[in-house]
Amino acid sequence: MQHSLYQHGTLGTLMAGALEGTCSIETLLEHGDHEIATLTGSDGEVIFVDGQAFHATTSDSDVRILTGDTLTPYASVSKFSADTTFEATAADQDMLYQQIRQHMLSENLFAMVKITGTFKHMHVRIMPKQNPPYTRLITSAKAQPEHHREHITGTIVAVYTPEVFHGIGAAGFHAHFISEDRTFMGHILGFDLAEGTVEIQNYAVFEQHLSTEPSFLNKTFDYQDIAEDIRQAE
């Protein structure tokens, strides 16, 4: 329990339109090796696995490795070292998340979860990029492409946020997936696990970093209905 979860930006401000990238991938890699994030303009989905940063965007079907100077408005990252590990079989998303909750130290702490295995079905989305002037993210979410794969092997990285911190992150599990062959990834909307290994790291320390860039400091955000927007988008 000497670990911490580092976060740049908040999901609430991202949903409100704070989409300008204000932290580099290089900086985030200094804070950890496993992560979920997006890029400037909420351009697609980002995942860190074992110190490598991957990005999927709606502009093409390729997964690419990110360079260090690429910027993100929102990311959660940790130096992942599991406190708890267990094997799971034949579970859909809700069933597996319930099992994970039972293995977590507490639902009142933050946690990162890594699931490596084979999935009967994987359902993801990729958020489409916005260009300035940025609008609330829920407008992009309504146009997001969704993708399905059957019988796929890969890795899930998920961040668990306690209910009281909804807005800082998404209460519950916020998860991204990447296939073993690094050709398919996205923000998870649903899955069915065939078999896999679940690793959990619990965090009593949460480090929140906010931007000091003028694009963030000088903007007034409308947070009306943001909590519900997050639930709809996530």
C-alpha atoms as a PDB file:
ATOM      1  CA  MET A   1       0.000   0.000   0.000  1.00  0.00           C
ATOM      2  CA  GLN A   2       2.966   2.333  -0.529  1.00  0.00           C
ATOM      3  CA  HIS A   3       1.793   3.017  -4.073  1.00  0.00           C
ATOM      4  CA  SER A   4      -0.113   5.949  -5.535  1.00  0.00           C
ATOM      5  CA  LEU A   5      -2.353   6.648  -8.502  1.00  0.00           C
ATOM      6  CA  TYR A   6      -1.365   9.757 -10.466  1.00  0.00           C
ATOM      7  CA  GLN A   7      -3.944  11.632 -12.501  1.00  0.00           C
ATOM      8  CA  HIS A   8      -3.593  14.600 -14.831  1.00  0.00           C
ATOM      9  CA  GLY A   9      -6.816  16.551 -15.330  1.00  0.00           C
ATOM     10  CA  THR A  10     -10.250  15.353 -14.296  1.00  0.00           C
ATOM     11  CA  LEU A  11     -12.951  13.539 -16.196  1.00  0.00           C
ATOM     12  CA  GLY A  12     -15.400  16.270 -15.211  1.00  0.00           C
ATOM     13  CA  THR A  13     -13.414  19.031 -16.887  1.00  0.00           C
ATOM     14  CA  LEU A  14     -12.776  16.791 -19.897  1.00  0.00           C
ATOM     15  CA  MET A  15     -16.519  16.235 -20.250  1.00  0.00           C
ATOM     16  CA  ALA A  16     -17.045  19.996 -19.910  1.00  0.00           C
ATOM     17  CA  GLY A  17     -14.760  20.671 -22.881  1.00  0.00           C
ATOM     18  CA  ALA A  18     -11.220  20.902 -21.446  1.00  0.00           C
ATOM     19  CA  LEU A  19      -9.793  19.015 -24.414  1.00  0.00           C
ATOM     20  CA  GLU A  20      -6.522  20.886 -24.971  1.00  0.00           C
ATOM     21  CA  GLY A  21      -3.528  18.636 -24.306  1.00  0.00           C
ATOM     22  CA  THR A  22      -1.550  19.892 -21.303  1.00  0.00           C
ATOM     23  CA  CYS A  23       0.663  16.971 -20.251  1.00  0.00           C
ATOM     24  CA  SER A  24       3.072  14.921 -22.368  1.00  0.00           C
ATOM     25  CA  ILE A  25       3.224  11.151 -22.670  1.00  0.00           C
ATOM     26  CA  GLU A  26       6.893  11.406 -21.651  1.00  0.00           C
ATOM     27  CA  THR A  27       5.905  13.070 -18.363  1.00  0.00           C
ATOM     28  CA  LEU A  28       3.218  10.486 -17.685  1.00  0.00           C
ATOM     29  CA  LEU A  29       5.675   7.638 -18.265  1.00  0.00           C
ATOM     30  CA  GLU A  30       7.750   9.094 -15.437  1.00  0.00           C
ATOM     31  CA  HIS A  31       4.771   8.452 -13.149  1.00  0.00           C
ATOM     32  CA  GLY A  32       3.935   4.941 -14.252  1.00  0.00           C
ATOM     33  CA  ASP A  33       3.830   2.104 -16.755  1.00  0.00           C
ATOM     34  CA  HIS A  34       0.083   1.361 -16.916  1.00  0.00           C
ATOM     35  CA  GLU A  35      -2.463   4.003 -17.850  1.00  0.00           C
ATOM     36  CA  ILE A  36      -5.718   4.978 -19.520  1.00  0.00           C
ATOM     37  CA  ALA A  37      -6.028   8.340 -21.272  1.00  0.00           C
ATOM     38  CA  THR A  38      -7.006  10.277 -24.377  1.00  0.00           C
ATOM     39  CA  LEU A  39      -5.240  12.891 -26.528  1.00  0.00           C
ATOM     40  CA  THR A  40      -5.828  16.539 -27.468  1.00  0.00           C
ATOM     41  CA  GLY A  41      -9.372  17.031 -28.707  1.00  0.00           C
ATOM     42  CA  SER A  42     -10.290  13.742 -27.015  1.00  0.00           C
ATOM     43  CA  ASP A  43      -8.716  12.103 -30.048  1.00  0.00           C
ATOM     44  CA  GLY A  44      -9.333   8.403 -29.607  1.00  0.00           C
ATOM     45  CA  GLU A  45      -8.250   6.121 -26.774  1.00  0.00           C
ATOM     46  CA  VAL A  46      -4.874   5.617 -25.076  1.00  0.00           C
ATOM     47  CA  ILE A  47      -3.559   2.721 -23.011  1.00  0.00           C
ATOM     48  CA  PHE A  48      -0.179   2.102 -21.344  1.00  0.00           C
ATOM     49  CA  VAL A  49       0.805  -1.553 -20.936  1.00  0.00           C
ATOM     50  CA  ASP A  50       4.185  -2.466 -19.442  1.00  0.00           C
ATOM     51  CA  GLY A  51       5.607   0.984 -20.163  1.00  0.00           C
ATOM     52  CA  GLN A  52       4.484   1.227 -23.793  1.00  0.00           C
ATOM     53  CA  ALA A  53       1.908   3.820 -24.852  1.00  0.00           C
ATOM     54  CA  PHE A  54      -0.639   2.873 -27.524  1.00  0.00           C
ATOM     55  CA  HIS A  55      -3.262   4.983 -29.300  1.00  0.00           C
ATOM     56  CA  ALA A  56      -6.294   4.160 -31.426  1.00  0.00           C
ATOM     57  CA  THR A  57      -8.186   6.823 -33.360  1.00  0.00           C
ATOM     58  CA  THR A  58     -11.299   6.946 -35.518  1.00  0.00           C
ATOM     59  CA  SER A  59      -9.318   8.389 -38.453  1.00  0.00           C
ATOM     60  CA  ASP A  60      -7.884   4.953 -39.324  1.00  0.00           C
ATOM     61  CA  SER A  61      -7.992   1.376 -38.089  1.00  0.00           C
ATOM     62  CA  ASP A  62      -4.390   1.213 -36.888  1.00  0.00           C
ATOM     63  CA  VAL A  63      -3.026   1.094 -33.361  1.00  0.00           C
ATOM     64  CA  ARG A  64       0.132   3.182 -33.068  1.00  0.00           C
ATOM     65  CA  ILE A  65       2.843   3.661 -30.465  1.00  0.00           C
ATOM     66  CA  LEU A  66       2.878   7.195 -29.084  1.00  0.00           C
ATOM     67  CA  THR A  67       5.903   9.481 -29.018  1.00  0.00           C
ATOM     68  CA  GLY A  68       6.942  11.226 -25.835  1.00  0.00           C
ATOM     69  CA  ASP A  69       5.906  14.750 -26.824  1.00  0.00           C
ATOM     70  CA  THR A  70       2.279  13.830 -27.615  1.00  0.00           C
ATOM     71  CA  LEU A  71      -0.103  15.721 -25.306  1.00  0.00           C
ATOM     72  CA  THR A  72      -3.101  14.588 -23.282  1.00  0.00           C
ATOM     73  CA  PRO A  73      -5.759  16.549 -21.359  1.00  0.00           C
ATOM     74  CA  TYR A  74      -6.650  13.601 -19.098  1.00  0.00           C
ATOM     75  CA  ALA A  75      -4.833  10.491 -17.893  1.00  0.00           C
ATOM     76  CA  SER A  76      -4.646   8.096 -14.927  1.00  0.00           C
ATOM     77  CA  VAL A  77      -1.323   6.301 -14.513  1.00  0.00           C
ATOM     78  CA  SER A  78       0.506   4.126 -12.003  1.00  0.00           C
ATOM     79  CA  LYS A  79       3.659   2.090 -11.510  1.00  0.00           C
ATOM     80  CA  PHE A  80       1.677  -1.107 -11.466  1.00  0.00           C
ATOM     81  CA  SER A  81       2.548  -3.840  -8.979  1.00  0.00           C
ATOM     82  CA  ALA A  82      -0.338  -6.085  -8.021  1.00  0.00           C
ATOM     83  CA  ASP A  83      -1.408  -6.502  -4.396  1.00  0.00           C
ATOM     84  CA  THR A  84      -3.813  -9.312  -5.321  1.00  0.00           C
ATOM     85  CA  THR A  85      -4.014 -11.792  -8.206  1.00  0.00           C
ATOM     86  CA  PHE A  86      -6.659 -14.362  -9.078  1.00  0.00           C
ATOM     87  CA  GLU A  87      -7.735 -16.512 -12.009  1.00  0.00           C
ATOM     88  CA  ALA A  88     -11.166 -16.032 -13.583  1.00  0.00           C
ATOM     89  CA  THR A  89     -13.207 -18.023 -16.087  1.00  0.00           C
ATOM     90  CA  ALA A  90     -16.508 -17.718 -17.945  1.00  0.00           C
ATOM     91  CA  ALA A  91     -17.585 -14.293 -16.709  1.00  0.00           C
ATOM     92  CA  ASP A  92     -19.293 -11.379 -18.399  1.00  0.00           C
ATOM     93  CA  GLN A  93     -18.324  -7.808 -17.535  1.00  0.00           C
ATOM     94  CA  ASP A  94     -20.748  -7.378 -14.625  1.00  0.00           C
ATOM     95  CA  MET A  95     -19.884 -10.757 -13.122  1.00  0.00           C
ATOM     96  CA  LEU A  96     -16.141 -10.154 -13.332  1.00  0.00           C
ATOM     97  CA  TYR A  97     -16.363  -6.636 -11.916  1.00  0.00           C
ATOM     98  CA  GLN A  98     -18.296  -8.051  -8.959  1.00  0.00           C
ATOM     99  CA  GLN A  99     -15.556 -10.624  -8.389  1.00  0.00           C
ATOM    100  CA  ILE A 100     -12.942  -7.872  -8.574  1.00  0.00           C
ATOM    101  CA  ARG A 101     -14.802  -5.778  -5.990  1.00  0.00           C
ATOM    102  CA  GLN A 102     -14.704  -8.775  -3.649  1.00  0.00           C
ATOM    103  CA  HIS A 103     -10.918  -9.026  -4.056  1.00  0.00           C
ATOM    104  CA  MET A 104     -10.256  -5.278  -3.693  1.00  0.00           C
ATOM    105  CA  LEU A 105      -9.090  -4.016  -0.317  1.00  0.00           C
ATOM    106  CA  SER A 106     -12.038  -1.597  -0.198  1.00  0.00           C
ATOM    107  CA  GLU A 107     -14.495   0.070  -2.560  1.00  0.00           C
ATOM    108  CA  ASN A 108     -13.598   3.319  -0.770  1.00  0.00           C
ATOM    109  CA  LEU A 109     -10.061   3.297  -2.206  1.00  0.00           C
ATOM    110  CA  PHE A 110      -8.855   3.827  -5.758  1.00  0.00           C
ATOM    111  CA  ALA A 111      -7.565   0.775  -7.614  1.00  0.00           C
ATOM    112  CA  MET A 112      -6.033  -0.215 -10.928  1.00  0.00           C
ATOM    113  CA  VAL A 113      -6.933  -3.557 -12.464  1.00  0.00           C
ATOM    114  CA  LYS A 114      -5.068  -5.474 -15.167  1.00  0.00           C
ATOM    115  CA  ILE A 115      -6.822  -8.403 -16.835  1.00  0.00           C
ATOM    116  CA  THR A 116      -4.818 -10.552 -19.234  1.00  0.00           C
ATOM    117  CA  GLY A 117      -6.685 -13.303 -21.006  1.00  0.00           C
ATOM    118  CA  THR A 118      -8.908 -14.593 -23.767  1.00  0.00           C
ATOM    119  CA  PHE A 119     -12.301 -13.025 -24.370  1.00  0.00           C
ATOM    120  CA  LYS A 120     -15.283 -14.608 -26.080  1.00  0.00           C
ATOM    121  CA  HIS A 121     -16.430 -11.131 -27.057  1.00  0.00           C
ATOM    122  CA  MET A 122     -15.038  -7.602 -26.760  1.00  0.00           C
ATOM    123  CA  HIS A 123     -17.094  -4.448 -27.404  1.00  0.00           C
ATOM    124  CA  VAL A 124     -15.246  -1.111 -27.541  1.00  0.00           C
ATOM    125  CA  ARG A 125     -15.698   2.437 -28.709  1.00  0.00           C
ATOM    126  CA  ILE A 126     -13.240   5.042 -29.961  1.00  0.00           C
ATOM    127  CA  MET A 127     -14.056   8.662 -29.179  1.00  0.00           C
ATOM    128  CA  PRO A 128     -13.966  10.880 -32.301  1.00  0.00           C
ATOM    129  CA  LYS A 129     -11.617  13.860 -32.243  1.00  0.00           C
ATOM    130  CA  GLN A 130     -12.940  17.390 -31.794  1.00  0.00           C
ATOM    131  CA  ASN A 131     -11.338  20.493 -33.266  1.00  0.00           C
ATOM    132  CA  PRO A 132     -11.437  23.928 -31.583  1.00  0.00           C
ATOM    133  CA  PRO A 133     -13.621  25.506 -30.404  1.00  0.00           C
ATOM    134  CA  TYR A 134     -14.202  22.492 -28.185  1.00  0.00           C
ATOM    135  CA  THR A 135     -17.663  21.530 -26.955  1.00  0.00           C
ATOM    136  CA  ARG A 136     -18.886  19.207 -24.225  1.00  0.00           C
ATOM    137  CA  LEU A 137     -17.629  15.688 -24.757  1.00  0.00           C
ATOM    138  CA  ILE A 138     -21.111  14.179 -24.699  1.00  0.00           C
ATOM    139  CA  THR A 139     -21.627  15.608 -28.209  1.00  0.00           C
ATOM    140  CA  SER A 140     -18.696  13.518 -29.479  1.00  0.00           C
ATOM    141  CA  ALA A 141     -19.880  10.466 -27.576  1.00  0.00           C
ATOM    142  CA  LYS A 142     -23.154  10.497 -29.497  1.00  0.00           C
ATOM    143  CA  ALA A 143     -21.191   9.991 -32.740  1.00  0.00           C
ATOM    144  CA  GLN A 144     -18.645   7.464 -31.483  1.00  0.00           C
ATOM    145  CA  PRO A 145     -17.959   4.386 -33.621  1.00  0.00           C
ATOM    146  CA  GLU A 146     -18.258   1.045 -31.840  1.00  0.00           C
ATOM    147  CA  HIS A 147     -16.364  -2.144 -32.680  1.00  0.00           C
ATOM    148  CA  HIS A 148     -16.778  -5.824 -31.791  1.00  0.00           C
ATOM    149  CA  ARG A 149     -14.355  -8.744 -31.840  1.00  0.00           C
ATOM    150  CA  GLU A 150     -14.954 -12.421 -31.104  1.00  0.00           C
ATOM    151  CA  HIS A 151     -12.441 -14.817 -29.517  1.00  0.00           C
ATOM    152  CA  ILE A 152      -9.689 -12.280 -28.925  1.00  0.00           C
ATOM    153  CA  THR A 153      -6.695 -12.371 -26.580  1.00  0.00           C
ATOM    154  CA  GLY A 154      -5.423  -9.217 -24.943  1.00  0.00           C
ATOM    155  CA  THR A 155      -5.150  -6.951 -21.922  1.00  0.00           C
ATOM    156  CA  ILE A 156      -7.587  -4.729 -20.048  1.00  0.00           C
ATOM    157  CA  VAL A 157      -6.320  -1.836 -17.937  1.00  0.00           C
ATOM    158  CA  ALA A 158      -9.041  -0.380 -15.720  1.00  0.00           C
ATOM    159  CA  VAL A 159      -9.146   2.319 -13.057  1.00  0.00           C
ATOM    160  CA  TYR A 160     -11.624   1.992 -10.203  1.00  0.00           C
ATOM    161  CA  THR A 161     -12.876   5.278  -8.718  1.00  0.00           C
ATOM    162  CA  PRO A 162     -14.881   5.410  -5.460  1.00  0.00           C
ATOM    163  CA  GLU A 163     -18.390   6.849  -5.797  1.00  0.00           C
ATOM    164  CA  VAL A 164     -17.525   9.956  -3.749  1.00  0.00           C
ATOM    165  CA  PHE A 165     -14.919  10.922  -6.403  1.00  0.00           C
ATOM    166  CA  HIS A 166     -17.322  10.743  -9.361  1.00  0.00           C
ATOM    167  CA  GLY A 167     -16.347  13.715 -11.520  1.00  0.00           C
ATOM    168  CA  ILE A 168     -12.665  13.373 -10.692  1.00  0.00           C
ATOM    169  CA  GLY A 169     -13.013  10.062 -12.531  1.00  0.00           C
ATOM    170  CA  ALA A 170     -15.912   7.830 -13.485  1.00  0.00           C
ATOM    171  CA  ALA A 171     -17.322   6.117 -10.392  1.00  0.00           C
ATOM    172  CA  GLY A 172     -16.735   2.398 -10.714  1.00  0.00           C
ATOM    173  CA  PHE A 173     -14.547   0.933 -13.456  1.00  0.00           C
ATOM    174  CA  HIS A 174     -13.193   2.896 -16.436  1.00  0.00           C
ATOM    175  CA  ALA A 175     -11.485   0.374 -18.715  1.00  0.00           C
ATOM    176  CA  HIS A 176      -9.502   0.233 -21.963  1.00  0.00           C
ATOM    177  CA  PHE A 177      -8.508  -2.876 -23.949  1.00  0.00           C
ATOM    178  CA  ILE A 178      -5.713  -3.753 -26.365  1.00  0.00           C
ATOM    179  CA  SER A 179      -5.306  -7.039 -28.212  1.00  0.00           C
ATOM    180  CA  GLU A 180      -2.212  -9.192 -27.813  1.00  0.00           C
ATOM    181  CA  ASP A 181      -1.221  -8.540 -31.433  1.00  0.00           C
ATOM    182  CA  ARG A 182      -1.678  -4.767 -30.903  1.00  0.00           C
ATOM    183  CA  THR A 183      -4.152  -4.371 -33.782  1.00  0.00           C
ATOM    184  CA  PHE A 184      -7.415  -3.732 -31.889  1.00  0.00           C
ATOM    185  CA  MET A 185      -8.119  -1.464 -28.932  1.00  0.00           C
ATOM    186  CA  GLY A 186     -10.558   0.982 -27.414  1.00  0.00           C
ATOM    187  CA  HIS A 187     -12.654   2.075 -24.444  1.00  0.00           C
ATOM    188  CA  ILE A 188     -14.599  -0.931 -23.178  1.00  0.00           C
ATOM    189  CA  LEU A 189     -18.391  -0.968 -23.421  1.00  0.00           C
ATOM    190  CA  GLY A 190     -18.751  -4.674 -22.622  1.00  0.00           C
ATOM    191  CA  PHE A 191     -16.997  -8.042 -22.723  1.00  0.00           C
ATOM    192  CA  ASP A 192     -17.280 -11.756 -21.995  1.00  0.00           C
ATOM    193  CA  LEU A 193     -14.164 -13.330 -20.511  1.00  0.00           C
ATOM    194  CA  ALA A 194     -13.314 -16.934 -21.392  1.00  0.00           C
ATOM    195  CA  GLU A 195     -10.338 -17.211 -19.052  1.00  0.00           C
ATOM    196  CA  GLY A 196      -7.720 -14.880 -17.684  1.00  0.00           C
ATOM    197  CA  THR A 197      -5.562 -13.543 -14.882  1.00  0.00           C
ATOM    198  CA  VAL A 198      -6.802 -10.584 -12.853  1.00  0.00           C
ATOM    199  CA  GLU A 199      -4.301  -8.355 -11.023  1.00  0.00           C
ATOM    200  CA  ILE A 200      -5.355  -5.598  -8.626  1.00  0.00           C
ATOM    201  CA  GLN A 201      -3.387  -2.745  -7.088  1.00  0.00           C
ATOM    202  CA  ASN A 202      -5.086  -0.708  -4.340  1.00  0.00           C
ATOM    203  CA  TYR A 203      -4.299   2.956  -3.662  1.00  0.00           C
ATOM    204  CA  ALA A 204      -4.750   4.892  -0.440  1.00  0.00           C
ATOM    205  CA  VAL A 205      -2.796   7.760  -2.051  1.00  0.00           C
ATOM    206  CA  PHE A 206      -4.291   9.612  -5.018  1.00  0.00           C
ATOM    207  CA  GLU A 207      -2.218  12.404  -6.602  1.00  0.00           C
ATOM    208  CA  GLN A 208      -4.290  14.889  -8.620  1.00  0.00           C
ATOM    209  CA  HIS A 209      -2.417  17.169 -11.028  1.00  0.00           C
ATOM    210  CA  LEU A 210      -4.145  20.100 -12.726  1.00  0.00           C
ATOM    211  CA  SER A 211      -2.918  22.112 -15.681  1.00  0.00           C
ATOM    212  CA  THR A 212      -1.428  25.578 -15.286  1.00  0.00           C
ATOM    213  CA  GLU A 213      -1.790  26.349 -19.004  1.00  0.00           C
ATOM    214  CA  PRO A 214      -3.835  29.472 -19.925  1.00  0.00           C
ATOM    215  CA  SER A 215      -6.221  27.294 -21.958  1.00  0.00           C
ATOM    216  CA  PHE A 216      -7.299  25.759 -18.651  1.00  0.00           C
ATOM    217  CA  LEU A 217      -6.761  28.573 -16.148  1.00  0.00           C
ATOM    218  CA  ASN A 218      -8.622  31.242 -18.110  1.00  0.00           C
ATOM    219  CA  LYS A 219     -11.669  29.217 -19.145  1.00  0.00           C
ATOM    220  CA  THR A 220     -15.022  29.050 -17.377  1.00  0.00           C
ATOM    221  CA  PHE A 221     -16.550  25.582 -17.576  1.00  0.00           C
ATOM    222  CA  ASP A 222     -20.226  24.697 -17.419  1.00  0.00           C
ATOM    223  CA  TYR A 223     -20.540  21.719 -15.075  1.00  0.00           C
ATOM    224  CA  GLN A 224     -24.321  21.440 -15.188  1.00  0.00           C
ATOM    225  CA  ASP A 225     -25.352  17.788 -15.659  1.00  0.00           C
ATOM    226  CA  ILE A 226     -21.697  16.704 -15.898  1.00  0.00           C
ATOM    227  CA  ALA A 227     -22.202  13.788 -13.498  1.00  0.00           C
ATOM    228  CA  GLU A 228     -24.946  12.392 -15.721  1.00  0.00           C
ATOM    229  CA  ASP A 229     -22.913  13.087 -18.883  1.00  0.00           C
ATOM    230  CA  ILE A 230     -20.105  10.953 -17.438  1.00  0.00           C
ATOM    231  CA  ARG A 231     -22.474   8.083 -16.697  1.00  0.00           C
ATOM    232  CA  GLN A 232     -23.869   8.219 -20.235  1.00  0.00           C
ATOM    233  CA  ALA A 233     -20.454   8.431 -21.914  1.00  0.00           C
ATOM    234  CA  GLU A 234     -18.671   5.864 -19.763  1.00  0.00           C
END
